[in-house]
Protein backbone atom coordinates (compact mmCIF):
# COMPACT_ATOMS: atom_id res chain seq x y z
CA UNK A 1 0.00 0.00 0.00
CA UNK A 2 2.83 2.39 0.80
CA UNK A 3 4.38 1.85 -2.63
CA UNK A 4 1.09 2.75 -4.35
CA UNK A 5 0.82 5.97 -2.36
CA UNK A 6 4.44 6.79 -3.12
CA UNK A 7 3.89 6.33 -6.84
CA UNK A 8 0.71 8.38 -7.02
CA UNK A 9 1.88 11.21 -4.77
CA UNK A 10 3.77 13.16 -7.49
CA UNK A 11 0.71 13.09 -9.74
CA UNK A 12 -1.50 14.27 -6.89
CA UNK A 13 0.85 17.15 -6.13
CA UNK A 14 0.93 18.15 -9.80
CA UNK A 15 -2.86 18.20 -9.99
CA UNK A 16 -3.09 20.14 -6.74
CA UNK A 17 -0.63 22.79 -7.86
CA UNK A 18 -1.84 23.30 -11.40
CA UNK A 19 -5.34 22.05 -12.25
CA UNK A 20 -6.21 24.66 -14.88
CA UNK A 21 -3.70 23.56 -17.54
CA UNK A 22 -4.86 19.96 -17.09
CA UNK A 23 -8.49 20.98 -17.58
CA UNK A 24 -7.53 23.04 -20.63
CA UNK A 25 -5.70 20.10 -22.20
CA UNK A 26 -8.66 17.77 -21.64
CA UNK A 27 -11.03 20.30 -23.20
CA UNK A 28 -8.69 20.77 -26.16
CA UNK A 29 -8.50 17.05 -26.82
CA UNK A 30 -12.27 16.72 -27.08
CA UNK A 31 -12.82 19.87 -29.15
CA UNK A 32 -13.35 20.00 -32.90
CA UNK A 33 -10.32 22.25 -33.41
CA UNK A 34 -7.94 20.21 -31.28
CA UNK A 35 -4.79 20.90 -33.34
CA UNK A 36 -5.29 24.65 -33.55
CA UNK A 37 -6.25 24.93 -29.88
CA UNK A 38 -3.27 22.83 -28.81
CA UNK A 39 -0.87 24.99 -30.82
CA UNK A 40 -2.28 28.18 -29.30
CA UNK A 41 -2.11 26.72 -25.79
CA UNK A 42 1.48 25.59 -26.30
CA UNK A 43 2.50 29.00 -27.65
CA UNK A 44 0.85 30.75 -24.71
CA UNK A 45 2.43 28.47 -22.12
CA UNK A 46 5.90 28.68 -23.62
CA UNK A 47 5.62 32.47 -23.87
CA UNK A 48 4.81 32.75 -20.17
CA UNK A 49 7.88 30.77 -19.10
CA UNK A 50 10.16 33.80 -19.49
CA UNK A 51 8.16 36.04 -17.18
CA UNK A 52 8.55 36.06 -13.43
CA UNK A 53 4.99 37.17 -12.65
CA UNK A 54 1.90 35.08 -13.52
PDB file of N, CA and C in Angstrom:
ATOM      1  N   UNK A   1       0.820  -1.192   0.000  1.00  0.00           N
ATOM      2  CA  UNK A   1       0.000   0.000   0.000  1.00  0.00           C
ATOM      3  C   UNK A   1       0.863   1.253   0.000  1.00  0.00           C
ATOM      4  N   UNK A   2       1.946   1.234   0.745  1.00  0.00           N
ATOM      5  CA  UNK A   2       2.833   2.389   0.797  1.00  0.00           C
ATOM      6  C   UNK A   2       3.475   2.689  -0.542  1.00  0.00           C
ATOM      7  N   UNK A   3       3.779   1.645  -1.307  1.00  0.00           N
ATOM      8  CA  UNK A   3       4.376   1.852  -2.628  1.00  0.00           C
ATOM      9  C   UNK A   3       3.385   2.526  -3.577  1.00  0.00           C
ATOM     10  N   UNK A   4       2.113   2.146  -3.487  1.00  0.00           N
ATOM     11  CA  UNK A   4       1.094   2.749  -4.345  1.00  0.00           C
ATOM     12  C   UNK A   4       0.927   4.227  -4.025  1.00  0.00           C
ATOM     13  N   UNK A   5       0.938   4.561  -2.758  1.00  0.00           N
ATOM     14  CA  UNK A   5       0.818   5.966  -2.356  1.00  0.00           C
ATOM     15  C   UNK A   5       2.046   6.737  -2.827  1.00  0.00           C
ATOM     16  N   UNK A   6       3.209   6.141  -2.685  1.00  0.00           N
ATOM     17  CA  UNK A   6       4.441   6.793  -3.122  1.00  0.00           C
ATOM     18  C   UNK A   6       4.476   7.047  -4.614  1.00  0.00           C
ATOM     19  N   UNK A   7       3.897   6.144  -5.391  1.00  0.00           N
ATOM     20  CA  UNK A   7       3.886   6.331  -6.841  1.00  0.00           C
ATOM     21  C   UNK A   7       2.858   7.360  -7.285  1.00  0.00           C
ATOM     22  N   UNK A   8       1.745   7.454  -6.599  1.00  0.00           N
ATOM     23  CA  UNK A   8       0.706   8.385  -7.019  1.00  0.00           C
ATOM     24  C   UNK A   8       0.856   9.771  -6.399  1.00  0.00           C
ATOM     25  N   UNK A   9       1.705   9.926  -5.435  1.00  0.00           N
ATOM     26  CA  UNK A   9       1.881  11.214  -4.774  1.00  0.00           C
ATOM     27  C   UNK A   9       2.367  12.320  -5.718  1.00  0.00           C
ATOM     28  N   UNK A  10       3.362  12.085  -6.581  1.00  0.00           N
ATOM     29  CA  UNK A  10       3.770  13.163  -7.490  1.00  0.00           C
ATOM     30  C   UNK A  10       2.655  13.619  -8.423  1.00  0.00           C
ATOM     31  N   UNK A  11       1.831  12.707  -8.889  1.00  0.00           N
ATOM     32  CA  UNK A  11       0.709  13.086  -9.742  1.00  0.00           C
ATOM     33  C   UNK A  11      -0.289  13.923  -8.958  1.00  0.00           C
ATOM     34  N   UNK A  12      -0.561  13.525  -7.731  1.00  0.00           N
ATOM     35  CA  UNK A  12      -1.501  14.271  -6.893  1.00  0.00           C
ATOM     36  C   UNK A  12      -1.000  15.684  -6.615  1.00  0.00           C
ATOM     37  N   UNK A  13       0.281  15.823  -6.378  1.00  0.00           N
ATOM     38  CA  UNK A  13       0.850  17.153  -6.129  1.00  0.00           C
ATOM     39  C   UNK A  13       0.762  18.007  -7.388  1.00  0.00           C
ATOM     40  N   UNK A  14       1.033  17.415  -8.536  1.00  0.00           N
ATOM     41  CA  UNK A  14       0.926  18.151  -9.799  1.00  0.00           C
ATOM     42  C   UNK A  14      -0.481  18.639 -10.063  1.00  0.00           C
ATOM     43  N   UNK A  15      -1.461  17.810  -9.801  1.00  0.00           N
ATOM     44  CA  UNK A  15      -2.855  18.204  -9.990  1.00  0.00           C
ATOM     45  C   UNK A  15      -3.251  19.275  -8.980  1.00  0.00           C
ATOM     46  N   UNK A  16      -2.777  19.159  -7.771  1.00  0.00           N
ATOM     47  CA  UNK A  16      -3.089  20.143  -6.736  1.00  0.00           C
ATOM     48  C   UNK A  16      -2.514  21.507  -7.075  1.00  0.00           C
ATOM     49  N   UNK A  17      -1.300  21.531  -7.577  1.00  0.00           N
ATOM     50  CA  UNK A  17      -0.627  22.795  -7.864  1.00  0.00           C
ATOM     51  C   UNK A  17      -1.198  23.467  -9.103  1.00  0.00           C
ATOM     52  N   UNK A  18      -1.490  22.700 -10.128  1.00  0.00           N
ATOM     53  CA  UNK A  18      -1.835  23.303 -11.398  1.00  0.00           C
ATOM     54  C   UNK A  18      -2.995  22.594 -12.087  1.00  0.00           C
ATOM     55  N   UNK A  19      -4.221  22.748 -11.617  1.00  0.00           N
ATOM     56  CA  UNK A  19      -5.340  22.051 -12.251  1.00  0.00           C
ATOM     57  C   UNK A  19      -5.833  22.703 -13.540  1.00  0.00           C
ATOM     58  N   UNK A  20      -5.668  24.000 -13.701  1.00  0.00           N
ATOM     59  CA  UNK A  20      -6.213  24.660 -14.878  1.00  0.00           C
ATOM     60  C   UNK A  20      -5.573  24.216 -16.188  1.00  0.00           C
ATOM     61  N   UNK A  21      -4.253  24.071 -16.281  1.00  0.00           N
ATOM     62  CA  UNK A  21      -3.699  23.555 -17.536  1.00  0.00           C
ATOM     63  C   UNK A  21      -4.165  22.141 -17.854  1.00  0.00           C
ATOM     64  N   UNK A  22      -4.382  21.330 -16.846  1.00  0.00           N
ATOM     65  CA  UNK A  22      -4.856  19.964 -17.086  1.00  0.00           C
ATOM     66  C   UNK A  22      -6.278  20.001 -17.638  1.00  0.00           C
ATOM     67  N   UNK A  23      -7.127  20.833 -17.081  1.00  0.00           N
ATOM     68  CA  UNK A  23      -8.491  20.975 -17.576  1.00  0.00           C
ATOM     69  C   UNK A  23      -8.478  21.512 -19.000  1.00  0.00           C
ATOM     70  N   UNK A  24      -7.615  22.475 -19.275  1.00  0.00           N
ATOM     71  CA  UNK A  24      -7.528  23.038 -20.628  1.00  0.00           C
ATOM     72  C   UNK A  24      -7.103  21.985 -21.638  1.00  0.00           C
ATOM     73  N   UNK A  25      -6.155  21.144 -21.281  1.00  0.00           N
ATOM     74  CA  UNK A  25      -5.700  20.099 -22.198  1.00  0.00           C
ATOM     75  C   UNK A  25      -6.819  19.101 -22.470  1.00  0.00           C
ATOM     76  N   UNK A  26      -7.551  18.713 -21.455  1.00  0.00           N
ATOM     77  CA  UNK A  26      -8.659  17.773 -21.645  1.00  0.00           C
ATOM     78  C   UNK A  26      -9.720  18.392 -22.557  1.00  0.00           C
ATOM     79  N   UNK A  27     -10.044  19.644 -22.348  1.00  0.00           N
ATOM     80  CA  UNK A  27     -11.027  20.301 -23.203  1.00  0.00           C
ATOM     81  C   UNK A  27     -10.530  20.446 -24.636  1.00  0.00           C
ATOM     82  N   UNK A  28      -9.236  20.673 -24.805  1.00  0.00           N
ATOM     83  CA  UNK A  28      -8.685  20.769 -26.159  1.00  0.00           C
ATOM     84  C   UNK A  28      -8.755  19.444 -26.896  1.00  0.00           C
ATOM     85  N   UNK A  29      -8.506  18.364 -26.180  1.00  0.00           N
ATOM     86  CA  UNK A  29      -8.499  17.048 -26.816  1.00  0.00           C
ATOM     87  C   UNK A  29      -9.885  16.692 -27.355  1.00  0.00           C
ATOM     88  N   UNK A  30     -10.925  17.077 -26.656  1.00  0.00           N
ATOM     89  CA  UNK A  30     -12.273  16.715 -27.082  1.00  0.00           C
ATOM     90  C   UNK A  30     -12.922  17.764 -27.989  1.00  0.00           C
ATOM     91  N   UNK A  31     -12.228  18.841 -28.301  1.00  0.00           N
ATOM     92  CA  UNK A  31     -12.818  19.870 -29.152  1.00  0.00           C
ATOM     93  C   UNK A  31     -12.670  19.513 -30.629  1.00  0.00           C
ATOM     94  N   UNK A  32     -13.417  20.218 -31.456  1.00  0.00           N
ATOM     95  CA  UNK A  32     -13.345  19.996 -32.904  1.00  0.00           C
ATOM     96  C   UNK A  32     -12.048  20.540 -33.482  1.00  0.00           C
ATOM     97  N   UNK A  33     -11.549  21.620 -32.911  1.00  0.00           N
ATOM     98  CA  UNK A  33     -10.322  22.253 -33.409  1.00  0.00           C
ATOM     99  C   UNK A  33      -9.148  21.907 -32.515  1.00  0.00           C
ATOM    100  N   UNK A  34      -8.942  20.648 -32.253  1.00  0.00           N
ATOM    101  CA  UNK A  34      -7.940  20.214 -31.281  1.00  0.00           C
ATOM    102  C   UNK A  34      -6.532  20.661 -31.667  1.00  0.00           C
ATOM    103  N   UNK A  35      -6.160  20.531 -32.931  1.00  0.00           N
ATOM    104  CA  UNK A  35      -4.794  20.896 -33.337  1.00  0.00           C
ATOM    105  C   UNK A  35      -4.535  22.396 -33.201  1.00  0.00           C
ATOM    106  N   UNK A  36      -5.473  23.204 -33.640  1.00  0.00           N
ATOM    107  CA  UNK A  36      -5.292  24.652 -33.548  1.00  0.00           C
ATOM    108  C   UNK A  36      -5.287  25.113 -32.092  1.00  0.00           C
ATOM    109  N   UNK A  37      -6.186  24.560 -31.296  1.00  0.00           N
ATOM    110  CA  UNK A  37      -6.245  24.931 -29.885  1.00  0.00           C
ATOM    111  C   UNK A  37      -4.983  24.503 -29.146  1.00  0.00           C
ATOM    112  N   UNK A  38      -4.484  23.316 -29.468  1.00  0.00           N
ATOM    113  CA  UNK A  38      -3.270  22.831 -28.806  1.00  0.00           C
ATOM    114  C   UNK A  38      -2.072  23.702 -29.162  1.00  0.00           C
ATOM    115  N   UNK A  39      -1.982  24.125 -30.414  1.00  0.00           N
ATOM    116  CA  UNK A  39      -0.869  24.988 -30.823  1.00  0.00           C
ATOM    117  C   UNK A  39      -0.936  26.339 -30.104  1.00  0.00           C
ATOM    118  N   UNK A  40      -2.126  26.895 -29.993  1.00  0.00           N
ATOM    119  CA  UNK A  40      -2.284  28.176 -29.300  1.00  0.00           C
ATOM    120  C   UNK A  40      -1.960  28.040 -27.812  1.00  0.00           C
ATOM    121  N   UNK A  41      -2.394  26.949 -27.211  1.00  0.00           N
ATOM    122  CA  UNK A  41      -2.113  26.718 -25.790  1.00  0.00           C
ATOM    123  C   UNK A  41      -0.614  26.569 -25.567  1.00  0.00           C
ATOM    124  N   UNK A  42       0.039  25.800 -26.423  1.00  0.00           N
ATOM    125  CA  UNK A  42       1.482  25.593 -26.301  1.00  0.00           C
ATOM    126  C   UNK A  42       2.246  26.904 -26.484  1.00  0.00           C
ATOM    127  N   UNK A  43       1.834  27.711 -27.438  1.00  0.00           N
ATOM    128  CA  UNK A  43       2.495  28.998 -27.648  1.00  0.00           C
ATOM    129  C   UNK A  43       2.303  29.914 -26.440  1.00  0.00           C
ATOM    130  N   UNK A  44       1.117  29.913 -25.882  1.00  0.00           N
ATOM    131  CA  UNK A  44       0.855  30.748 -24.713  1.00  0.00           C
ATOM    132  C   UNK A  44       1.628  30.296 -23.492  1.00  0.00           C
ATOM    133  N   UNK A  45       1.693  28.992 -23.276  1.00  0.00           N
ATOM    134  CA  UNK A  45       2.426  28.474 -22.118  1.00  0.00           C
ATOM    135  C   UNK A  45       3.923  28.696 -22.257  1.00  0.00           C
ATOM    136  N   UNK A  46       4.454  28.501 -23.450  1.00  0.00           N
ATOM    137  CA  UNK A  46       5.895  28.681 -23.620  1.00  0.00           C
ATOM    138  C   UNK A  46       6.263  30.161 -23.559  1.00  0.00           C
ATOM    139  N   UNK A  47       5.362  31.037 -23.957  1.00  0.00           N
ATOM    140  CA  UNK A  47       5.619  32.467 -23.867  1.00  0.00           C
ATOM    141  C   UNK A  47       5.634  32.972 -22.442  1.00  0.00           C
ATOM    142  N   UNK A  48       4.886  32.324 -21.577  1.00  0.00           N
ATOM    143  CA  UNK A  48       4.814  32.752 -20.172  1.00  0.00           C
ATOM    144  C   UNK A  48       6.006  32.267 -19.366  1.00  0.00           C
ATOM    145  N   UNK A  49       6.776  31.331 -19.859  1.00  0.00           N
ATOM    146  CA  UNK A  49       7.882  30.771 -19.103  1.00  0.00           C
ATOM    147  C   UNK A  49       8.968  31.819 -18.812  1.00  0.00           C
ATOM    148  N   UNK A  50       9.110  32.804 -19.680  1.00  0.00           N
ATOM    149  CA  UNK A  50      10.156  33.796 -19.494  1.00  0.00           C
ATOM    150  C   UNK A  50       9.841  34.855 -18.463  1.00  0.00           C
ATOM    151  N   UNK A  51       8.565  35.017 -18.132  1.00  0.00           N
ATOM    152  CA  UNK A  51       8.159  36.045 -17.176  1.00  0.00           C
ATOM    153  C   UNK A  51       8.255  35.539 -15.751  1.00  0.00           C
ATOM    154  N   UNK A  52       8.455  36.460 -14.844  1.00  0.00           N
ATOM    155  CA  UNK A  52       8.549  36.065 -13.434  1.00  0.00           C
ATOM    156  C   UNK A  52       7.211  36.216 -12.722  1.00  0.00           C
ATOM    157  N   UNK A  53       6.284  36.995 -13.292  1.00  0.00           N
ATOM    158  CA  UNK A  53       4.987  37.165 -12.650  1.00  0.00           C
ATOM    159  C   UNK A  53       3.941  36.417 -13.450  1.00  0.00           C
ATOM    160  N   UNK A  54       2.921  35.841 -12.802  1.00  0.00           N
ATOM    161  CA  UNK A  54       1.899  35.081 -13.518  1.00  0.00           C
ATOM    162  C   UNK A  54       0.953  35.930 -14.306  1.00  0.00           C
TER     163      UNK A  54
END
